[in-house]
Protein backbone atom coordinates (compact mmCIF):
# COMPACT_ATOMS: atom_id res chain seq x y z
CA MET A 1 74.10 47.87 146.49
CA GLY A 2 72.04 46.41 143.67
CA ILE A 3 70.86 47.22 140.07
CA PHE A 4 67.20 47.79 140.05
CA ASN A 5 64.63 48.45 137.18
CA LYS A 6 61.67 50.90 137.33
CA ALA A 7 59.61 47.74 139.09
CA ASP A 8 62.05 47.55 141.90
CA GLN A 9 63.31 44.08 140.68
CA CYS A 10 67.07 43.53 140.49
CA THR A 11 68.37 43.36 136.98
CA ILE A 12 71.36 40.99 137.71
CA PRO A 13 70.77 37.64 136.20
CA ALA A 14 70.21 34.88 138.56
CA SER A 15 73.02 32.96 137.05
CA GLU A 16 75.43 35.40 138.05
CA THR A 17 75.08 34.36 141.70
CA THR A 18 78.09 33.03 143.91
CA ILE A 19 76.81 30.42 146.42
CA ILE A 20 78.38 29.34 149.54
CA ALA A 21 76.76 25.93 150.04
CA SER A 22 75.73 24.31 153.26
CA GLY A 23 78.48 22.68 154.92
CA ALA A 24 81.27 25.22 153.27
CA LYS A 25 83.25 27.55 155.39
CA VAL A 26 84.93 30.72 154.14
CA GLU A 27 87.30 32.77 156.38
CA GLY A 28 88.85 36.03 155.65
CA VAL A 29 87.84 38.78 153.34
CA PHE A 30 85.30 37.60 150.75
CA ASN A 31 84.98 40.21 147.85
CA CYS A 32 82.07 39.55 145.55
CA GLN A 33 80.83 41.47 142.62
CA THR A 34 77.94 39.15 141.90
CA ARG A 35 74.90 38.32 143.96
CA LEU A 36 75.98 36.14 146.87
CA HIS A 37 73.85 33.41 148.54
CA VAL A 38 75.09 32.02 151.89
CA ASP A 39 73.92 28.65 153.00
CA GLY A 40 77.26 27.80 154.65
CA GLU A 41 79.22 29.96 156.68
CA ILE A 42 81.42 33.12 156.18
CA ILE A 43 83.83 34.35 159.00
CA GLY A 44 85.36 37.84 158.38
CA LYS A 45 84.58 40.69 156.05
CA VAL A 46 82.17 40.59 153.11
CA LEU A 47 82.45 43.14 150.45
CA SER A 48 79.69 43.16 147.87
CA ASP A 49 78.68 45.33 145.03
CA SER A 50 75.26 43.64 144.81
CA ILE A 51 72.64 41.59 146.76
CA VAL A 52 73.81 39.41 149.71
CA THR A 53 71.00 36.78 150.97
CA ILE A 54 71.55 34.40 153.86
CA GLY A 55 69.51 31.11 154.01
CA LYS A 56 68.08 29.64 156.78
CA GLN A 57 71.19 27.79 157.57
CA GLY A 58 73.59 30.24 156.43
CA ARG A 59 75.94 32.37 158.76
CA ILE A 60 78.05 35.50 158.51
CA SER A 61 80.31 36.24 161.54
CA GLY A 62 82.42 39.33 161.22
CA GLU A 63 82.29 42.71 159.68
């Protein structure tokens, strides 16, 4: 779920983005209320109130 303006652009500031960097690995339940960008790996469940993007090298395995 994202917050959008009339022009269909997300209104959450880019500075409020959680980044899982390349080479990082997170396991378990990941709960995020900001934008999430994954260049690393998440294994488990991702709960997000915002936009989730996965980079070319990023990976999410699980629910």
